[in-house]
């Protein structure tokens, strides 16, 4: 049974999250956390936090061990945008759009091959 965890309104854009999410998709939870630990991007820490939450949900709800879990599905959707203005020359203003995103991770138990 798949277990889901999500983080909403994270202060990082989908464009910056996608390369990190593509690295983690389809891997075991332990391998994913090890990979994310050594990535220099701040987005990796956000994704790792959601993966840990999904693993904890699986352990607490279905009593599954973290070593038997696999990241089945992971995606980032666009969240609300914060619109700000920056003062420019000659009394003008330019718009700054601060993009947010929603990260969702789905983990499931790995089937044993025999």
PDB file of N, CA and C in Angstrom:
ATOM      1  N   UNK A   1       0.845  -1.183   0.000  1.00  0.00           N
ATOM      2  CA  UNK A   1       0.000   0.000   0.000  1.00  0.00           C
ATOM      3  C   UNK A   1       0.889   1.245   0.000  1.00  0.00           C
ATOM      4  N   UNK A   2       0.686   2.132  -0.950  1.00  0.00           N
ATOM      5  CA  UNK A   2       1.534   3.326  -1.023  1.00  0.00           C
ATOM      6  C   UNK A   2       1.259   4.312   0.109  1.00  0.00           C
ATOM      7  N   UNK A   3       2.323   4.907   0.596  1.00  0.00           N
ATOM      8  CA  UNK A   3       2.248   5.916   1.659  1.00  0.00           C
ATOM      9  C   UNK A   3       2.739   7.235   1.088  1.00  0.00           C
ATOM     10  N   UNK A   4       2.038   8.304   1.441  1.00  0.00           N
ATOM     11  CA  UNK A   4       2.299   9.616   0.855  1.00  0.00           C
ATOM     12  C   UNK A   4       2.740  10.608   1.919  1.00  0.00           C
ATOM     13  N   UNK A   5       3.620  11.524   1.522  1.00  0.00           N
ATOM     14  CA  UNK A   5       4.003  12.661   2.362  1.00  0.00           C
ATOM     15  C   UNK A   5       4.194  13.859   1.444  1.00  0.00           C
ATOM     16  N   UNK A   6       3.866  15.033   1.957  1.00  0.00           N
ATOM     17  CA  UNK A   6       4.005  16.221   1.117  1.00  0.00           C
ATOM     18  C   UNK A   6       4.429  17.418   1.947  1.00  0.00           C
ATOM     19  N   UNK A   7       5.046  18.369   1.274  1.00  0.00           N
ATOM     20  CA  UNK A   7       5.413  19.648   1.874  1.00  0.00           C
ATOM     21  C   UNK A   7       4.838  20.730   0.973  1.00  0.00           C
ATOM     22  N   UNK A   8       4.098  21.642   1.551  1.00  0.00           N
ATOM     23  CA  UNK A   8       3.464  22.684   0.755  1.00  0.00           C
ATOM     24  C   UNK A   8       4.162  24.015   0.968  1.00  0.00           C
ATOM     25  N   UNK A   9       4.082  24.843  -0.046  1.00  0.00           N
ATOM     26  CA  UNK A   9       4.614  26.203  -0.016  1.00  0.00           C
ATOM     27  C   UNK A   9       6.091  26.257   0.366  1.00  0.00           C
ATOM     28  N   UNK A  10       6.878  25.340  -0.172  1.00  0.00           N
ATOM     29  CA  UNK A  10       8.316  25.415   0.070  1.00  0.00           C
ATOM     30  C   UNK A  10       8.861  26.594  -0.716  1.00  0.00           C
ATOM     31  N   UNK A  11       9.787  27.293  -0.177  1.00  0.00           N
ATOM     32  CA  UNK A  11      10.270  28.528  -0.779  1.00  0.00           C
ATOM     33  C   UNK A  11      11.294  28.332  -1.870  1.00  0.00           C
ATOM     34  N   UNK A  12      11.062  27.376  -2.752  1.00  0.00           N
ATOM     35  CA  UNK A  12      11.988  27.114  -3.847  1.00  0.00           C
ATOM     36  C   UNK A  12      11.173  26.756  -5.083  1.00  0.00           C
ATOM     37  N   UNK A  13      11.644  27.143  -6.240  1.00  0.00           N
ATOM     38  CA  UNK A  13      10.862  26.971  -7.460  1.00  0.00           C
ATOM     39  C   UNK A  13      10.917  25.531  -7.964  1.00  0.00           C
ATOM     40  N   UNK A  14       9.928  25.178  -8.766  1.00  0.00           N
ATOM     41  CA  UNK A  14       9.857  23.847  -9.355  1.00  0.00           C
ATOM     42  C   UNK A  14      11.048  23.609 -10.280  1.00  0.00           C
ATOM     43  N   UNK A  15      11.474  24.649 -10.961  1.00  0.00           N
ATOM     44  CA  UNK A  15      12.601  24.550 -11.893  1.00  0.00           C
ATOM     45  C   UNK A  15      13.876  24.100 -11.180  1.00  0.00           C
ATOM     46  N   UNK A  16      14.082  24.561  -9.956  1.00  0.00           N
ATOM     47  CA  UNK A  16      15.271  24.178  -9.191  1.00  0.00           C
ATOM     48  C   UNK A  16      15.114  22.812  -8.528  1.00  0.00           C
ATOM     49  N   UNK A  17      13.875  22.383  -8.304  1.00  0.00           N
ATOM     50  CA  UNK A  17      13.629  21.091  -7.671  1.00  0.00           C
ATOM     51  C   UNK A  17      13.714  19.920  -8.654  1.00  0.00           C
ATOM     52  N   UNK A  18      13.348  20.130  -9.902  1.00  0.00           N
ATOM     53  CA  UNK A  18      13.215  19.024 -10.845  1.00  0.00           C
ATOM     54  C   UNK A  18      14.489  18.199 -11.053  1.00  0.00           C
ATOM     55  N   UNK A  19      15.675  18.787 -11.197  1.00  0.00           N
ATOM     56  CA  UNK A  19      16.865  17.934 -11.360  1.00  0.00           C
ATOM     57  C   UNK A  19      17.118  17.031 -10.155  1.00  0.00           C
ATOM     58  N   UNK A  20      16.817  17.507  -8.973  1.00  0.00           N
ATOM     59  CA  UNK A  20      17.033  16.718  -7.760  1.00  0.00           C
ATOM     60  C   UNK A  20      15.987  15.619  -7.645  1.00  0.00           C
ATOM     61  N   UNK A  21      14.757  15.950  -7.984  1.00  0.00           N
ATOM     62  CA  UNK A  21      13.676  14.965  -7.935  1.00  0.00           C
ATOM     63  C   UNK A  21      13.938  13.837  -8.934  1.00  0.00           C
ATOM     64  N   UNK A  22      14.468  14.171 -10.103  1.00  0.00           N
ATOM     65  CA  UNK A  22      14.757  13.151 -11.110  1.00  0.00           C
ATOM     66  C   UNK A  22      15.846  12.179 -10.651  1.00  0.00           C
ATOM     67  N   UNK A  23      16.774  12.648  -9.809  1.00  0.00           N
ATOM     68  CA  UNK A  23      17.811  11.759  -9.268  1.00  0.00           C
ATOM     69  C   UNK A  23      17.233  10.720  -8.315  1.00  0.00           C
ATOM     70  N   UNK A  24      16.222  11.109  -7.556  1.00  0.00           N
ATOM     71  CA  UNK A  24      15.693  10.275  -6.480  1.00  0.00           C
ATOM     72  C   UNK A  24      14.623   9.306  -6.964  1.00  0.00           C
ATOM     73  N   UNK A  25      13.906   9.666  -8.003  1.00  0.00           N
ATOM     74  CA  UNK A  25      12.757   8.879  -8.463  1.00  0.00           C
ATOM     75  C   UNK A  25      13.153   7.441  -8.789  1.00  0.00           C
ATOM     76  N   UNK A  26      12.427   6.474  -8.206  1.00  0.00           N
ATOM     77  CA  UNK A  26      12.645   5.065  -8.486  1.00  0.00           C
ATOM     78  C   UNK A  26      13.684   4.376  -7.624  1.00  0.00           C
ATOM     79  N   UNK A  27      14.360   5.099  -6.750  1.00  0.00           N
ATOM     80  CA  UNK A  27      15.406   4.480  -5.932  1.00  0.00           C
ATOM     81  C   UNK A  27      14.862   4.082  -4.563  1.00  0.00           C
ATOM     82  N   UNK A  28      15.632   3.272  -3.853  1.00  0.00           N
ATOM     83  CA  UNK A  28      15.254   2.909  -2.489  1.00  0.00           C
ATOM     84  C   UNK A  28      15.396   4.128  -1.589  1.00  0.00           C
ATOM     85  N   UNK A  29      14.662   4.142  -0.490  1.00  0.00           N
ATOM     86  CA  UNK A  29      14.649   5.304   0.405  1.00  0.00           C
ATOM     87  C   UNK A  29      16.036   5.545   0.994  1.00  0.00           C
ATOM     88  N   UNK A  30      16.719   4.492   1.415  1.00  0.00           N
ATOM     89  CA  UNK A  30      18.059   4.652   1.992  1.00  0.00           C
ATOM     90  C   UNK A  30      19.033   5.231   0.967  1.00  0.00           C
ATOM     91  N   UNK A  31      18.974   4.728  -0.269  1.00  0.00           N
ATOM     92  CA  UNK A  31      19.857   5.240  -1.323  1.00  0.00           C
ATOM     93  C   UNK A  31      19.518   6.686  -1.665  1.00  0.00           C
ATOM     94  N   UNK A  32      18.239   6.999  -1.674  1.00  0.00           N
ATOM     95  CA  UNK A  32      17.807   8.365  -1.985  1.00  0.00           C
ATOM     96  C   UNK A  32      18.309   9.347  -0.930  1.00  0.00           C
ATOM     97  N   UNK A  33      18.203   8.975   0.337  1.00  0.00           N
ATOM     98  CA  UNK A  33      18.658   9.862   1.410  1.00  0.00           C
ATOM     99  C   UNK A  33      20.177  10.043   1.380  1.00  0.00           C
ATOM    100  N   UNK A  34      20.902   8.980   1.043  1.00  0.00           N
ATOM    101  CA  UNK A  34      22.355   9.089   0.924  1.00  0.00           C
ATOM    102  C   UNK A  34      22.735  10.016  -0.224  1.00  0.00           C
ATOM    103  N   UNK A  35      22.047   9.880  -1.343  1.00  0.00           N
ATOM    104  CA  UNK A  35      22.310  10.748  -2.491  1.00  0.00           C
ATOM    105  C   UNK A  35      22.017  12.202  -2.154  1.00  0.00           C
ATOM    106  N   UNK A  36      20.888  12.448  -1.521  1.00  0.00           N
ATOM    107  CA  UNK A  36      20.477  13.817  -1.199  1.00  0.00           C
ATOM    108  C   UNK A  36      21.391  14.459  -0.160  1.00  0.00           C
ATOM    109  N   UNK A  37      21.970  13.653   0.702  1.00  0.00           N
ATOM    110  CA  UNK A  37      22.830  14.173   1.762  1.00  0.00           C
ATOM    111  C   UNK A  37      24.071  14.864   1.194  1.00  0.00           C
ATOM    112  N   UNK A  38      24.576  14.372   0.068  1.00  0.00           N
ATOM    113  CA  UNK A  38      25.823  14.895  -0.482  1.00  0.00           C
ATOM    114  C   UNK A  38      25.631  15.888  -1.625  1.00  0.00           C
ATOM    115  N   UNK A  39      24.408  16.273  -1.896  1.00  0.00           N
ATOM    116  CA  UNK A  39      24.167  17.287  -2.924  1.00  0.00           C
ATOM    117  C   UNK A  39      24.269  18.675  -2.303  1.00  0.00           C
ATOM    118  N   UNK A  40      24.919  19.623  -2.972  1.00  0.00           N
ATOM    119  CA  UNK A  40      25.134  20.946  -2.379  1.00  0.00           C
ATOM    120  C   UNK A  40      23.918  21.864  -2.435  1.00  0.00           C
ATOM    121  N   UNK A  41      22.898  21.505  -3.181  1.00  0.00           N
ATOM    122  CA  UNK A  41      21.745  22.391  -3.375  1.00  0.00           C
ATOM    123  C   UNK A  41      20.860  22.450  -2.129  1.00  0.00           C
ATOM    124  N   UNK A  42      20.324  23.624  -1.782  1.00  0.00           N
ATOM    125  CA  UNK A  42      19.369  23.710  -0.675  1.00  0.00           C
ATOM    126  C   UNK A  42      18.077  22.952  -0.971  1.00  0.00           C
ATOM    127  N   UNK A  43      17.777  22.754  -2.245  1.00  0.00           N
ATOM    128  CA  UNK A  43      16.581  21.999  -2.613  1.00  0.00           C
ATOM    129  C   UNK A  43      16.704  20.537  -2.193  1.00  0.00           C
ATOM    130  N   UNK A  44      17.923  20.012  -2.146  1.00  0.00           N
ATOM    131  CA  UNK A  44      18.132  18.621  -1.749  1.00  0.00           C
ATOM    132  C   UNK A  44      17.713  18.401  -0.300  1.00  0.00           C
ATOM    133  N   UNK A  45      17.958  19.380   0.552  1.00  0.00           N
ATOM    134  CA  UNK A  45      17.554  19.258   1.955  1.00  0.00           C
ATOM    135  C   UNK A  45      16.038  19.238   2.085  1.00  0.00           C
ATOM    136  N   UNK A  46      15.344  20.039   1.275  1.00  0.00           N
ATOM    137  CA  UNK A  46      13.877  20.054   1.311  1.00  0.00           C
ATOM    138  C   UNK A  46      13.304  18.721   0.854  1.00  0.00           C
ATOM    139  N   UNK A  47      13.864  18.171  -0.228  1.00  0.00           N
ATOM    140  CA  UNK A  47      13.384  16.891  -0.746  1.00  0.00           C
ATOM    141  C   UNK A  47      13.688  15.779   0.251  1.00  0.00           C
ATOM    142  N   UNK A  48      14.858  15.812   0.877  1.00  0.00           N
ATOM    143  CA  UNK A  48      15.223  14.791   1.863  1.00  0.00           C
ATOM    144  C   UNK A  48      14.266  14.805   3.046  1.00  0.00           C
ATOM    145  N   UNK A  49      13.849  15.982   3.448  1.00  0.00           N
ATOM    146  CA  UNK A  49      12.927  16.099   4.571  1.00  0.00           C
ATOM    147  C   UNK A  49      11.590  15.425   4.260  1.00  0.00           C
ATOM    148  N   UNK A  50      11.109  15.580   3.029  1.00  0.00           N
ATOM    149  CA  UNK A  50       9.835  14.969   2.638  1.00  0.00           C
ATOM    150  C   UNK A  50       9.987  13.457   2.487  1.00  0.00           C
ATOM    151  N   UNK A  51      11.127  13.000   1.970  1.00  0.00           N
ATOM    152  CA  UNK A  51      11.365  11.556   1.843  1.00  0.00           C
ATOM    153  C   UNK A  51      11.426  10.909   3.226  1.00  0.00           C
ATOM    154  N   UNK A  52      12.088  11.577   4.180  1.00  0.00           N
ATOM    155  CA  UNK A  52      12.131  11.065   5.555  1.00  0.00           C
ATOM    156  C   UNK A  52      10.739  11.010   6.167  1.00  0.00           C
ATOM    157  N   UNK A  53       9.920  12.008   5.882  1.00  0.00           N
ATOM    158  CA  UNK A  53       8.553  12.034   6.410  1.00  0.00           C
ATOM    159  C   UNK A  53       7.729  10.888   5.837  1.00  0.00           C
ATOM    160  N   UNK A  54       7.896  10.599   4.549  1.00  0.00           N
ATOM    161  CA  UNK A  54       7.169   9.492   3.933  1.00  0.00           C
ATOM    162  C   UNK A  54       7.609   8.157   4.533  1.00  0.00           C
ATOM    163  N   UNK A  55       8.907   7.998   4.772  1.00  0.00           N
ATOM    164  CA  UNK A  55       9.411   6.765   5.390  1.00  0.00           C
ATOM    165  C   UNK A  55       8.889   6.623   6.816  1.00  0.00           C
ATOM    166  N   UNK A  56       8.844   7.726   7.555  1.00  0.00           N
ATOM    167  CA  UNK A  56       8.323   7.685   8.923  1.00  0.00           C
ATOM    168  C   UNK A  56       6.839   7.353   8.934  1.00  0.00           C
ATOM    169  N   UNK A  57       6.091   7.883   7.970  1.00  0.00           N
ATOM    170  CA  UNK A  57       4.666   7.549   7.871  1.00  0.00           C
ATOM    171  C   UNK A  57       4.474   6.061   7.617  1.00  0.00           C
ATOM    172  N   UNK A  58       5.304   5.477   6.758  1.00  0.00           N
ATOM    173  CA  UNK A  58       5.204   4.048   6.462  1.00  0.00           C
ATOM    174  C   UNK A  58       5.558   3.209   7.685  1.00  0.00           C
ATOM    175  N   UNK A  59       6.565   3.650   8.447  1.00  0.00           N
ATOM    176  CA  UNK A  59       6.949   2.907   9.649  1.00  0.00           C
ATOM    177  C   UNK A  59       5.862   2.974  10.716  1.00  0.00           C
ATOM    178  N   UNK A  60       5.252   4.127  10.887  1.00  0.00           N
ATOM    179  CA  UNK A  60       4.265   4.295  11.952  1.00  0.00           C
ATOM    180  C   UNK A  60       2.893   3.744  11.598  1.00  0.00           C
ATOM    181  N   UNK A  61       2.488   3.848  10.345  1.00  0.00           N
ATOM    182  CA  UNK A  61       1.150   3.414   9.967  1.00  0.00           C
ATOM    183  C   UNK A  61       1.090   1.942   9.588  1.00  0.00           C
ATOM    184  N   UNK A  62       2.060   1.477   8.806  1.00  0.00           N
ATOM    185  CA  UNK A  62       2.024   0.100   8.311  1.00  0.00           C
ATOM    186  C   UNK A  62       3.106  -0.788   8.908  1.00  0.00           C
ATOM    187  N   UNK A  63       3.914  -0.254   9.811  1.00  0.00           N
ATOM    188  CA  UNK A  63       4.985  -1.003  10.473  1.00  0.00           C
ATOM    189  C   UNK A  63       5.957  -1.616   9.464  1.00  0.00           C
ATOM    190  N   UNK A  64       6.324  -0.842   8.453  1.00  0.00           N
ATOM    191  CA  UNK A  64       7.310  -1.271   7.466  1.00  0.00           C
ATOM    192  C   UNK A  64       8.672  -0.709   7.839  1.00  0.00           C
ATOM    193  N   UNK A  65       9.727  -1.444   7.517  1.00  0.00           N
ATOM    194  CA  UNK A  65      11.069  -0.928   7.797  1.00  0.00           C
ATOM    195  C   UNK A  65      11.505  -0.012   6.653  1.00  0.00           C
ATOM    196  N   UNK A  66      12.332   0.957   6.977  1.00  0.00           N
ATOM    197  CA  UNK A  66      12.778   1.931   5.981  1.00  0.00           C
ATOM    198  C   UNK A  66      13.634   1.278   4.902  1.00  0.00           C
ATOM    199  N   UNK A  67      14.293   0.170   5.226  1.00  0.00           N
ATOM    200  CA  UNK A  67      15.141  -0.500   4.237  1.00  0.00           C
ATOM    201  C   UNK A  67      14.319  -1.216   3.164  1.00  0.00           C
ATOM    202  N   UNK A  68      13.036  -1.454   3.439  1.00  0.00           N
ATOM    203  CA  UNK A  68      12.181  -2.161   2.483  1.00  0.00           C
ATOM    204  C   UNK A  68      11.328  -1.213   1.651  1.00  0.00           C
ATOM    205  N   UNK A  69      11.626   0.085   1.699  1.00  0.00           N
ATOM    206  CA  UNK A  69      10.796   1.068   1.001  1.00  0.00           C
ATOM    207  C   UNK A  69      11.487   1.594  -0.251  1.00  0.00           C
ATOM    208  N   UNK A  70      10.671   1.932  -1.238  1.00  0.00           N
ATOM    209  CA  UNK A  70      11.152   2.473  -2.505  1.00  0.00           C
ATOM    210  C   UNK A  70      10.349   3.727  -2.837  1.00  0.00           C
ATOM    211  N   UNK A  71      11.018   4.726  -3.413  1.00  0.00           N
ATOM    212  CA  UNK A  71      10.334   5.945  -3.848  1.00  0.00           C
ATOM    213  C   UNK A  71       9.641   5.622  -5.167  1.00  0.00           C
ATOM    214  N   UNK A  72       8.339   5.395  -5.091  1.00  0.00           N
ATOM    215  CA  UNK A  72       7.566   5.011  -6.266  1.00  0.00           C
ATOM    216  C   UNK A  72       7.251   6.229  -7.123  1.00  0.00           C
ATOM    217  N   UNK A  73       6.862   7.303  -6.462  1.00  0.00           N
ATOM    218  CA  UNK A  73       6.426   8.501  -7.180  1.00  0.00           C
ATOM    219  C   UNK A  73       6.909   9.726  -6.417  1.00  0.00           C
ATOM    220  N   UNK A  74       7.436  10.694  -7.137  1.00  0.00           N
ATOM    221  CA  UNK A  74       7.852  11.954  -6.521  1.00  0.00           C
ATOM    222  C   UNK A  74       7.662  13.053  -7.554  1.00  0.00           C
ATOM    223  N   UNK A  75       7.025  14.130  -7.130  1.00  0.00           N
ATOM    224  CA  UNK A  75       6.796  15.231  -8.057  1.00  0.00           C
ATOM    225  C   UNK A  75       6.689  16.542  -7.301  1.00  0.00           C
ATOM    226  N   UNK A  76       6.862  17.622  -8.048  1.00  0.00           N
ATOM    227  CA  UNK A  76       6.741  18.969  -7.494  1.00  0.00           C
ATOM    228  C   UNK A  76       5.757  19.750  -8.348  1.00  0.00           C
ATOM    229  N   UNK A  77       4.778  20.341  -7.700  1.00  0.00           N
ATOM    230  CA  UNK A  77       3.801  21.184  -8.375  1.00  0.00           C
ATOM    231  C   UNK A  77       4.046  22.632  -8.011  1.00  0.00           C
ATOM    232  N   UNK A  78       3.608  23.508  -8.888  1.00  0.00           N
ATOM    233  CA  UNK A  78       3.784  24.931  -8.649  1.00  0.00           C
ATOM    234  C   UNK A  78       2.839  25.404  -7.551  1.00  0.00           C
ATOM    235  N   UNK A  79       3.376  26.179  -6.627  1.00  0.00           N
ATOM    236  CA  UNK A  79       2.589  26.737  -5.537  1.00  0.00           C
ATOM    237  C   UNK A  79       2.263  28.194  -5.799  1.00  0.00           C
ATOM    238  N   UNK A  80       1.816  28.902  -4.787  1.00  0.00           N
ATOM    239  CA  UNK A  80       1.488  30.319  -4.969  1.00  0.00           C
ATOM    240  C   UNK A  80       2.741  31.153  -5.207  1.00  0.00           C
ATOM    241  N   UNK A  81       2.569  32.203  -5.976  1.00  0.00           N
ATOM    242  CA  UNK A  81       3.678  33.112  -6.268  1.00  0.00           C
ATOM    243  C   UNK A  81       3.528  34.371  -5.436  1.00  0.00           C
ATOM    244  N   UNK A  82       4.635  34.822  -4.888  1.00  0.00           N
ATOM    245  CA  UNK A  82       4.641  36.088  -4.160  1.00  0.00           C
ATOM    246  C   UNK A  82       5.188  37.152  -5.093  1.00  0.00           C
ATOM    247  N   UNK A  83       4.421  38.203  -5.288  1.00  0.00           N
ATOM    248  CA  UNK A  83       4.839  39.266  -6.201  1.00  0.00           C
ATOM    249  C   UNK A  83       5.386  40.428  -5.398  1.00  0.00           C
ATOM    250  N   UNK A  84       6.612  40.799  -5.716  1.00  0.00           N
ATOM    251  CA  UNK A  84       7.288  41.895  -5.037  1.00  0.00           C
ATOM    252  C   UNK A  84       7.790  42.882  -6.080  1.00  0.00           C
ATOM    253  N   UNK A  85       8.101  44.081  -5.634  1.00  0.00           N
ATOM    254  CA  UNK A  85       8.629  45.093  -6.544  1.00  0.00           C
ATOM    255  C   UNK A  85       9.985  45.563  -6.057  1.00  0.00           C
ATOM    256  N   UNK A  86      10.842  45.883  -7.016  1.00  0.00           N
ATOM    257  CA  UNK A  86      12.167  46.393  -6.707  1.00  0.00           C
ATOM    258  C   UNK A  86      12.311  47.764  -7.352  1.00  0.00           C
ATOM    259  N   UNK A  87      12.789  48.704  -6.583  1.00  0.00           N
ATOM    260  CA  UNK A  87      12.968  50.054  -7.106  1.00  0.00           C
ATOM    261  C   UNK A  87      14.079  50.069  -8.144  1.00  0.00           C
ATOM    262  N   UNK A  88      13.828  50.771  -9.242  1.00  0.00           N
ATOM    263  CA  UNK A  88      14.792  50.875 -10.322  1.00  0.00           C
ATOM    264  C   UNK A  88      15.094  52.348 -10.596  1.00  0.00           C
ATOM    265  N   UNK A  89      15.896  52.579 -11.574  1.00  0.00           N
ATOM    266  CA  UNK A  89      16.299  53.945 -11.911  1.00  0.00           C
ATOM    267  C   UNK A  89      15.122  54.756 -12.450  1.00  0.00           C
ATOM    268  N   UNK A  90      15.197  56.056 -12.285  1.00  0.00           N
ATOM    269  CA  UNK A  90      14.221  57.020 -12.799  1.00  0.00           C
ATOM    270  C   UNK A  90      12.820  56.799 -12.244  1.00  0.00           C
ATOM    271  N   UNK A  91      12.725  56.327 -11.030  1.00  0.00           N
ATOM    272  CA  UNK A  91      11.430  56.174 -10.374  1.00  0.00           C
ATOM    273  C   UNK A  91      10.602  55.003 -10.850  1.00  0.00           C
ATOM    274  N   UNK A  92      11.207  54.103 -11.561  1.00  0.00           N
ATOM    275  CA  UNK A  92      10.474  52.944 -12.062  1.00  0.00           C
ATOM    276  C   UNK A  92      10.560  51.797 -11.064  1.00  0.00           C
ATOM    277  N   UNK A  93       9.782  50.763 -11.330  1.00  0.00           N
ATOM    278  CA  UNK A  93       9.811  49.567 -10.494  1.00  0.00           C
ATOM    279  C   UNK A  93       9.784  48.344 -11.396  1.00  0.00           C
ATOM    280  N   UNK A  94      10.481  47.296 -10.986  1.00  0.00           N
ATOM    281  CA  UNK A  94      10.420  46.037 -11.720  1.00  0.00           C
ATOM    282  C   UNK A  94       9.860  44.969 -10.795  1.00  0.00           C
ATOM    283  N   UNK A  95       9.155  44.040 -11.392  1.00  0.00           N
ATOM    284  CA  UNK A  95       8.484  43.004 -10.618  1.00  0.00           C
ATOM    285  C   UNK A  95       9.433  41.841 -10.336  1.00  0.00           C
ATOM    286  N   UNK A  96       9.399  41.352  -9.118  1.00  0.00           N
ATOM    287  CA  UNK A  96      10.121  40.147  -8.725  1.00  0.00           C
ATOM    288  C   UNK A  96       9.066  39.121  -8.343  1.00  0.00           C
ATOM    289  N   UNK A  97       9.145  37.943  -8.940  1.00  0.00           N
ATOM    290  CA  UNK A  97       8.190  36.881  -8.633  1.00  0.00           C
ATOM    291  C   UNK A  97       8.924  35.808  -7.841  1.00  0.00           C
ATOM    292  N   UNK A  98       8.529  35.616  -6.593  1.00  0.00           N
ATOM    293  CA  UNK A  98       9.118  34.580  -5.744  1.00  0.00           C
ATOM    294  C   UNK A  98       8.230  33.345  -5.850  1.00  0.00           C
ATOM    295  N   UNK A  99       8.770  32.299  -6.451  1.00  0.00           N
ATOM    296  CA  UNK A  99       7.982  31.105  -6.740  1.00  0.00           C
ATOM    297  C   UNK A  99       8.097  30.086  -5.607  1.00  0.00           C
ATOM    298  N   UNK A 100       6.985  29.464  -5.295  1.00  0.00           N
ATOM    299  CA  UNK A 100       6.915  28.403  -4.295  1.00  0.00           C
ATOM    300  C   UNK A 100       6.504  27.113  -4.986  1.00  0.00           C
ATOM    301  N   UNK A 101       6.619  26.007  -4.271  1.00  0.00           N
ATOM    302  CA  UNK A 101       6.226  24.727  -4.849  1.00  0.00           C
ATOM    303  C   UNK A 101       5.715  23.788  -3.764  1.00  0.00           C
ATOM    304  N   UNK A 102       5.010  22.766  -4.214  1.00  0.00           N
ATOM    305  CA  UNK A 102       4.519  21.700  -3.347  1.00  0.00           C
ATOM    306  C   UNK A 102       5.252  20.418  -3.747  1.00  0.00           C
ATOM    307  N   UNK A 103       5.906  19.770  -2.787  1.00  0.00           N
ATOM    308  CA  UNK A 103       6.640  18.527  -3.054  1.00  0.00           C
ATOM    309  C   UNK A 103       5.825  17.363  -2.507  1.00  0.00           C
ATOM    310  N   UNK A 104       5.630  16.321  -3.320  1.00  0.00           N
ATOM    311  CA  UNK A 104       4.893  15.135  -2.894  1.00  0.00           C
ATOM    312  C   UNK A 104       5.739  13.898  -3.168  1.00  0.00           C
ATOM    313  N   UNK A 105       5.827  13.021  -2.165  1.00  0.00           N
ATOM    314  CA  UNK A 105       6.591  11.777  -2.278  1.00  0.00           C
ATOM    315  C   UNK A 105       5.671  10.617  -1.925  1.00  0.00           C
ATOM    316  N   UNK A 106       5.691   9.573  -2.757  1.00  0.00           N
ATOM    317  CA  UNK A 106       4.925   8.355  -2.498  1.00  0.00           C
ATOM    318  C   UNK A 106       5.918   7.203  -2.409  1.00  0.00           C
ATOM    319  N   UNK A 107       5.898   6.493  -1.281  1.00  0.00           N
ATOM    320  CA  UNK A 107       6.779   5.333  -1.098  1.00  0.00           C
ATOM    321  C   UNK A 107       5.930   4.077  -0.967  1.00  0.00           C
ATOM    322  N   UNK A 108       6.524   2.960  -1.341  1.00  0.00           N
ATOM    323  CA  UNK A 108       5.836   1.679  -1.231  1.00  0.00           C
ATOM    324  C   UNK A 108       6.867   0.602  -0.925  1.00  0.00           C
ATOM    325  N   UNK A 109       6.384  -0.530  -0.465  1.00  0.00           N
ATOM    326  CA  UNK A 109       7.264  -1.636  -0.108  1.00  0.00           C
ATOM    327  C   UNK A 109       7.820  -2.289  -1.372  1.00  0.00           C
ATOM    328  N   UNK A 110       9.089  -2.666  -1.327  1.00  0.00           N
ATOM    329  CA  UNK A 110       9.739  -3.322  -2.460  1.00  0.00           C
ATOM    330  C   UNK A 110       9.363  -4.794  -2.441  1.00  0.00           C
ATOM    331  N   UNK A 111       8.963  -5.309  -3.614  1.00  0.00           N
ATOM    332  CA  UNK A 111       8.646  -6.731  -3.695  1.00  0.00           C
ATOM    333  C   UNK A 111       9.941  -7.525  -3.765  1.00  0.00           C
ATOM    334  N   UNK A 112      10.031  -8.573  -2.978  1.00  0.00           N
ATOM    335  CA  UNK A 112      11.223  -9.427  -2.966  1.00  0.00           C
ATOM    336  C   UNK A 112      11.228 -10.299  -4.218  1.00  0.00           C
ATOM    337  N   UNK A 113      12.364 -10.303  -4.932  1.00  0.00           N
ATOM    338  CA  UNK A 113      12.498 -11.163  -6.107  1.00  0.00           C
ATOM    339  C   UNK A 113      13.055 -12.514  -5.672  1.00  0.00           C
ATOM    340  N   UNK A 114      12.429 -13.587  -6.181  1.00  0.00           N
ATOM    341  CA  UNK A 114      12.907 -14.919  -5.802  1.00  0.00           C
ATOM    342  C   UNK A 114      13.267 -15.747  -7.003  1.00  0.00           C
TER     343      UNK A 114
END
